């Protein structure tokens, strides 16, 4: 099944909801960064939540999520947009822990229990919206739930999951976000809480072949969900040789000349996708000519 995301409302518009399968997308991140299971789960959960937050945006709007805990995996940064495109990287991809007391990947130990979740929204305006909340558990889903409630004042339930194969590849990944709209009544809240208390982990649902629509049916109750739209989700990096060239151009004549004198070339690598871009001596000299011509 190709990764995709659905937007929905439920209970006659009293609730809005998102669900997604991100198995291939998280798998692409795992392959590119060679992450070990705990890190794959942390990064995968973060990318899954982020891409659903991106689906709350419009047009060319973008969002950057930074999760910076005191655990050994270090900061994670995820970029996404309103089109289902997401990319992410983690500082230390090869971190290992034994399973936790529940027999699951110990994401909390990797992320840490102290630190911050920072969300920066680029809405195409002069100023960007930025919100920051403390990490409350290090399990990621609870941290996003707290962010929505504290920074955006939207009561939410976030479910995220990643299952990792013995060979470190991704078996299943996905998640859901359920948010209460203003005026949502107690009866609806009680019904949702009853459903949430009985559902399987979202990663298990995806492993069984649940679609995003079926995940929302499980979370909100059959017959309560009205799907509004869907869109594909994929790992997509916005890097290019032209962008890195512009960055080198911005270094100025002296630094570019030092590159030529010391190495005769330059190599740049994208943190998000690990693609490398080579610039030969002639290209670097061309940048100098371009600066001098201004």
Protein backbone atom coordinates (compact mmCIF):
# COMPACT_ATOMS: atom_id res chain seq x y z
CA UNK A 1 0.00 0.00 0.00
CA UNK A 2 1.36 3.42 -0.93
CA UNK A 3 1.51 5.92 1.88
CA UNK A 4 -1.35 8.37 2.08
CA UNK A 5 -3.21 10.59 4.52
CA UNK A 6 -6.90 11.32 5.04
CA UNK A 7 -8.63 14.36 6.52
CA UNK A 8 -12.01 13.82 8.12
CA UNK A 9 -14.65 15.20 10.42
CA UNK A 10 -16.70 13.18 12.86
CA UNK A 11 -19.74 13.49 15.09
CA UNK A 12 -21.41 16.06 12.84
CA UNK A 13 -18.37 18.33 12.67
CA UNK A 14 -17.67 18.38 16.40
CA UNK A 15 -14.36 16.62 15.77
CA UNK A 16 -11.72 16.83 13.08
CA UNK A 17 -9.34 13.98 12.46
CA UNK A 18 -6.33 12.90 10.43
CA UNK A 19 -4.83 9.47 9.86
CA UNK A 20 -1.94 8.27 7.76
CA UNK A 21 0.12 5.29 6.75
CA UNK A 22 3.78 6.34 6.59
CA UNK A 23 5.48 2.94 6.29
CA UNK A 24 7.32 3.64 3.03
CA UNK A 25 8.11 7.23 4.01
CA UNK A 26 9.65 6.25 7.34
CA UNK A 27 11.37 3.37 5.57
CA UNK A 28 13.03 5.82 3.19
CA UNK A 29 14.30 7.87 6.12
CA UNK A 30 15.61 4.71 7.79
CA UNK A 31 17.47 3.67 4.63
CA UNK A 32 19.00 7.06 4.05
CA UNK A 33 20.17 7.56 7.64
CA UNK A 34 20.78 3.90 8.54
CA UNK A 35 18.92 4.39 11.80
CA UNK A 36 18.72 1.67 14.41
CA UNK A 37 15.32 0.59 15.81
CA UNK A 38 14.90 3.02 18.73
CA UNK A 39 15.95 5.94 16.52
CA UNK A 40 13.74 4.73 13.67
CA UNK A 41 10.77 4.69 16.03
CA UNK A 42 11.54 8.18 17.39
CA UNK A 43 12.14 9.75 13.99
CA UNK A 44 9.29 7.82 12.37
CA UNK A 45 6.77 8.89 14.99
CA UNK A 46 7.96 12.50 14.70
CA UNK A 47 7.72 12.50 10.90
CA UNK A 48 4.26 10.93 11.06
CA UNK A 49 2.93 13.54 13.48
CA UNK A 50 4.57 16.31 11.48
CA UNK A 51 3.09 15.28 8.14
CA UNK A 52 -0.38 15.29 9.71
CA UNK A 53 0.30 18.77 11.08
CA UNK A 54 1.30 19.75 7.55
CA UNK A 55 -2.09 18.57 6.36
CA UNK A 56 -3.63 21.25 8.58
CA UNK A 57 -1.92 23.91 6.45
CA UNK A 58 -2.88 25.31 3.04
CA UNK A 59 -1.22 26.06 -0.28
CA UNK A 60 2.51 26.66 -0.03
CA UNK A 61 2.59 26.81 3.78
CA UNK A 62 5.41 24.89 5.47
CA UNK A 63 6.21 23.67 8.93
CA UNK A 64 9.45 22.78 10.73
CA UNK A 65 9.42 20.61 13.84
CA UNK A 66 12.42 20.37 16.15
CA UNK A 67 12.43 17.87 19.00
CA UNK A 68 15.42 18.44 21.22
CA UNK A 69 15.60 16.17 24.23
CA UNK A 70 18.37 15.26 26.64
CA UNK A 71 18.65 11.71 25.30
CA UNK A 72 21.55 10.35 23.26
CA UNK A 73 19.88 10.52 19.85
CA UNK A 74 20.14 14.32 19.99
CA UNK A 75 17.91 16.82 18.17
CA UNK A 76 15.51 15.70 15.42
CA UNK A 77 14.37 18.13 12.75
CA UNK A 78 11.46 17.50 10.39
CA UNK A 79 10.27 19.68 7.50
CA UNK A 80 6.87 19.17 5.92
CA UNK A 81 4.21 21.04 3.96
CA UNK A 82 0.56 20.98 2.98
CA UNK A 83 1.23 18.55 0.11
CA UNK A 84 2.19 15.47 2.13
CA UNK A 85 5.91 15.94 1.50
CA UNK A 86 8.13 15.35 4.51
CA UNK A 87 11.81 14.98 5.29
CA UNK A 88 13.63 14.48 8.56
CA UNK A 89 16.97 13.80 10.15
CA UNK A 90 18.29 12.88 13.55
CA UNK A 91 21.66 13.82 15.01
CA UNK A 92 22.70 10.33 16.16
CA UNK A 93 21.11 7.54 14.17
CA UNK A 94 22.96 4.58 15.66
CA UNK A 95 21.73 4.40 19.26
CA UNK A 96 20.56 1.16 20.86
CA UNK A 97 18.67 0.23 24.02
CA UNK A 98 17.15 -2.97 25.32
CA UNK A 99 13.36 -3.18 25.18
CA UNK A 100 11.53 -1.31 27.93
CA UNK A 101 9.45 -2.89 30.70
CA UNK A 102 6.48 -3.20 28.31
CA UNK A 103 8.63 -5.13 25.83
CA UNK A 104 8.65 -2.22 23.37
CA UNK A 105 11.33 -0.03 21.83
CA UNK A 106 12.56 2.38 24.48
CA UNK A 107 11.96 5.61 22.58
CA UNK A 108 11.85 7.61 25.81
CA UNK A 109 15.41 6.59 26.66
CA UNK A 110 16.57 7.67 23.21
CA UNK A 111 14.76 11.01 23.10
CA UNK A 112 15.05 11.91 26.77
CA UNK A 113 12.45 13.21 29.19
CA UNK A 114 13.63 16.82 29.33
CA UNK A 115 13.85 19.27 26.47
CA UNK A 116 11.58 21.06 24.05
CA UNK A 117 9.25 20.58 21.10
CA UNK A 118 9.45 23.60 18.80
CA UNK A 119 7.04 24.15 15.90
CA UNK A 120 7.73 26.87 13.33
CA UNK A 121 5.04 27.56 10.74
CA UNK A 122 5.91 29.45 7.56
CA UNK A 123 2.54 30.74 6.38
CA UNK A 124 3.97 32.90 3.62
CA UNK A 125 3.80 36.05 5.71
CA UNK A 126 6.55 38.35 6.93
CA UNK A 127 6.57 36.80 10.40
CA UNK A 128 6.57 33.10 11.16
CA UNK A 129 4.45 31.50 13.86
CA UNK A 130 6.54 29.73 16.47
CA UNK A 131 5.38 27.67 19.43
CA UNK A 132 7.43 25.76 21.98
CA UNK A 133 6.45 23.37 24.74
CA UNK A 134 8.44 21.10 27.04
CA UNK A 135 8.91 17.42 26.35
CA UNK A 136 6.54 15.66 28.76
CA UNK A 137 7.37 12.00 28.16
CA UNK A 138 9.81 11.49 25.29
CA UNK A 139 7.40 9.03 23.67
CA UNK A 140 6.55 11.64 21.00
CA UNK A 141 2.76 11.13 20.79
CA UNK A 142 2.22 12.49 24.30
CA UNK A 143 4.57 15.36 23.52
CA UNK A 144 2.57 16.40 20.45
CA UNK A 145 -0.68 16.00 22.42
CA UNK A 146 0.68 18.40 25.03
CA UNK A 147 1.85 20.82 22.34
CA UNK A 148 -1.63 21.03 20.80
CA UNK A 149 -3.31 21.55 24.17
CA UNK A 150 -0.77 24.02 25.54
CA UNK A 151 0.45 26.02 22.54
CA UNK A 152 -2.60 25.92 20.25
CA UNK A 153 -5.30 25.37 22.91
CA UNK A 154 -6.80 22.49 20.92
CA UNK A 155 -7.68 19.36 22.96
CA UNK A 156 -6.23 16.49 20.94
CA UNK A 157 -5.41 12.83 21.00
CA UNK A 158 -2.33 11.77 19.06
CA UNK A 159 -1.53 8.14 18.29
CA UNK A 160 1.76 7.22 16.60
CA UNK A 161 3.52 3.93 15.97
CA UNK A 162 6.48 2.35 14.21
CA UNK A 163 7.27 -1.34 14.01
CA UNK A 164 10.81 -2.34 13.00
CA UNK A 165 11.87 -5.62 11.38
CA UNK A 166 14.81 -7.66 12.72
CA UNK A 167 16.95 -6.35 9.82
CA UNK A 168 16.19 -2.73 10.88
CA UNK A 169 13.81 -2.06 7.98
CA UNK A 170 10.37 -0.61 8.72
CA UNK A 171 7.48 -3.07 9.01
CA UNK A 172 4.69 -0.59 9.72
CA UNK A 173 4.37 3.10 10.55
CA UNK A 174 1.52 5.53 10.84
CA UNK A 175 -0.69 7.49 13.17
CA UNK A 176 -3.77 9.57 13.84
CA UNK A 177 -4.67 12.94 15.32
CA UNK A 178 -8.15 13.60 16.71
CA UNK A 179 -9.04 17.15 17.72
CA UNK A 180 -12.11 18.51 19.49
CA UNK A 181 -13.73 21.50 17.86
CA UNK A 182 -15.13 24.41 19.92
CA UNK A 183 -18.46 23.48 21.44
CA UNK A 184 -17.86 19.74 21.42
CA UNK A 185 -20.22 18.27 24.03
CA UNK A 186 -19.43 15.91 26.90
CA UNK A 187 -21.36 13.04 25.32
CA UNK A 188 -19.13 13.12 22.25
CA UNK A 189 -15.99 13.37 24.40
CA UNK A 190 -17.10 10.37 26.47
CA UNK A 191 -17.76 8.34 23.29
CA UNK A 192 -14.29 9.13 21.92
CA UNK A 193 -12.59 8.32 25.21
CA UNK A 194 -14.41 4.97 25.31
CA UNK A 195 -13.20 4.15 21.79
CA UNK A 196 -9.63 5.21 22.53
CA UNK A 197 -9.47 3.02 25.62
CA UNK A 198 -10.18 -0.09 23.56
CA UNK A 199 -8.16 0.35 20.38
CA UNK A 200 -5.03 -1.55 19.38
CA UNK A 201 -1.73 0.31 18.93
CA UNK A 202 -1.85 2.13 15.61
CA UNK A 203 1.28 0.32 14.38
CA UNK A 204 -0.50 -3.00 14.91
CA UNK A 205 -3.49 -1.77 12.92
CA UNK A 206 -1.23 -0.86 10.02
CA UNK A 207 0.60 -4.17 10.24
CA UNK A 208 -2.79 -5.87 9.89
CA UNK A 209 -3.50 -3.82 6.76
CA UNK A 210 -5.80 -1.15 8.14
CA UNK A 211 -6.19 1.82 5.82
CA UNK A 212 -6.15 5.36 7.25
CA UNK A 213 -9.94 5.39 6.86
CA UNK A 214 -10.24 2.18 8.85
CA UNK A 215 -7.93 3.55 11.55
CA UNK A 216 -10.29 6.49 12.04
CA UNK A 217 -13.27 4.13 12.15
CA UNK A 218 -11.51 2.20 14.90
CA UNK A 219 -10.59 5.36 16.79
CA UNK A 220 -13.92 7.21 16.46
CA UNK A 221 -16.44 4.43 15.97
CA UNK A 222 -17.99 2.97 12.87
CA UNK A 223 -20.41 5.31 11.15
CA UNK A 224 -19.14 8.42 12.90
CA UNK A 225 -16.45 9.42 10.38
CA UNK A 226 -16.88 11.51 7.23
CA UNK A 227 -13.72 11.54 5.10
CA UNK A 228 -13.22 14.89 3.39
CA UNK A 229 -10.08 14.33 1.33
CA UNK A 230 -6.92 12.29 0.93
CA UNK A 231 -3.43 12.89 -0.42
CA UNK A 232 -0.24 10.89 -0.97
CA UNK A 233 2.55 11.07 1.60
CA UNK A 234 6.21 10.66 0.67
CA UNK A 235 9.77 11.42 1.74
CA UNK A 236 10.65 14.43 -0.36
CA UNK A 237 13.70 16.63 0.01
CA UNK A 238 13.84 20.15 -1.40
CA UNK A 239 17.62 20.23 -1.73
CA UNK A 240 19.32 20.79 -5.09
CA UNK A 241 22.71 21.69 -6.49
CA UNK A 242 21.36 25.15 -7.29
CA UNK A 243 20.40 25.75 -3.64
CA UNK A 244 23.79 24.65 -2.37
CA UNK A 245 25.43 26.76 -5.05
CA UNK A 246 23.53 29.79 -3.79
CA UNK A 247 24.72 29.00 -0.27
CA UNK A 248 28.34 28.82 -1.43
CA UNK A 249 27.87 32.08 -3.32
CA UNK A 250 26.78 33.67 -0.07
CA UNK A 251 30.07 32.77 1.61
CA UNK A 252 31.90 35.49 -0.29
CA UNK A 253 35.06 35.64 -2.39
CA UNK A 254 37.57 34.95 0.39
CA UNK A 255 36.03 31.67 1.59
CA UNK A 256 35.43 30.42 -1.94
CA UNK A 257 39.03 31.19 -2.87
CA UNK A 258 40.17 29.24 0.19
CA UNK A 259 38.18 26.24 -1.06
CA UNK A 260 39.95 26.48 -4.41
CA UNK A 261 43.40 26.90 -2.84
CA UNK A 262 43.01 24.13 -0.27
CA UNK A 263 41.00 21.46 -2.11
CA UNK A 264 40.48 22.64 -5.66
CA UNK A 265 36.82 21.76 -5.26
CA UNK A 266 33.92 21.72 -2.79
CA UNK A 267 31.48 19.05 -1.66
CA UNK A 268 28.19 19.74 0.08
CA UNK A 269 25.89 17.19 1.69
CA UNK A 270 22.24 17.58 2.64
CA UNK A 271 21.50 16.66 6.26
CA UNK A 272 18.00 15.49 5.41
CA UNK A 273 18.57 13.11 2.49
CA UNK A 274 22.39 12.73 2.53
CA UNK A 275 22.66 13.54 -1.18
CA UNK A 276 26.05 15.06 -2.02
CA UNK A 277 26.75 17.80 -4.54
CA UNK A 278 30.21 18.40 -6.02
CA UNK A 279 31.48 21.74 -7.27
CA UNK A 280 34.68 21.70 -9.35
CA UNK A 281 37.29 24.43 -9.58
CA UNK A 282 35.70 26.01 -12.64
CA UNK A 283 32.32 26.24 -10.93
CA UNK A 284 33.86 27.84 -7.84
CA UNK A 285 35.78 30.32 -9.98
CA UNK A 286 32.51 31.10 -11.71
CA UNK A 287 30.95 32.00 -8.33
CA UNK A 288 33.82 34.41 -7.69
CA UNK A 289 33.33 35.99 -11.12
CA UNK A 290 29.64 36.34 -10.39
CA UNK A 291 30.31 38.12 -7.07
CA UNK A 292 32.89 40.43 -8.62
CA UNK A 293 30.54 41.34 -11.45
CA UNK A 294 27.94 42.74 -9.04
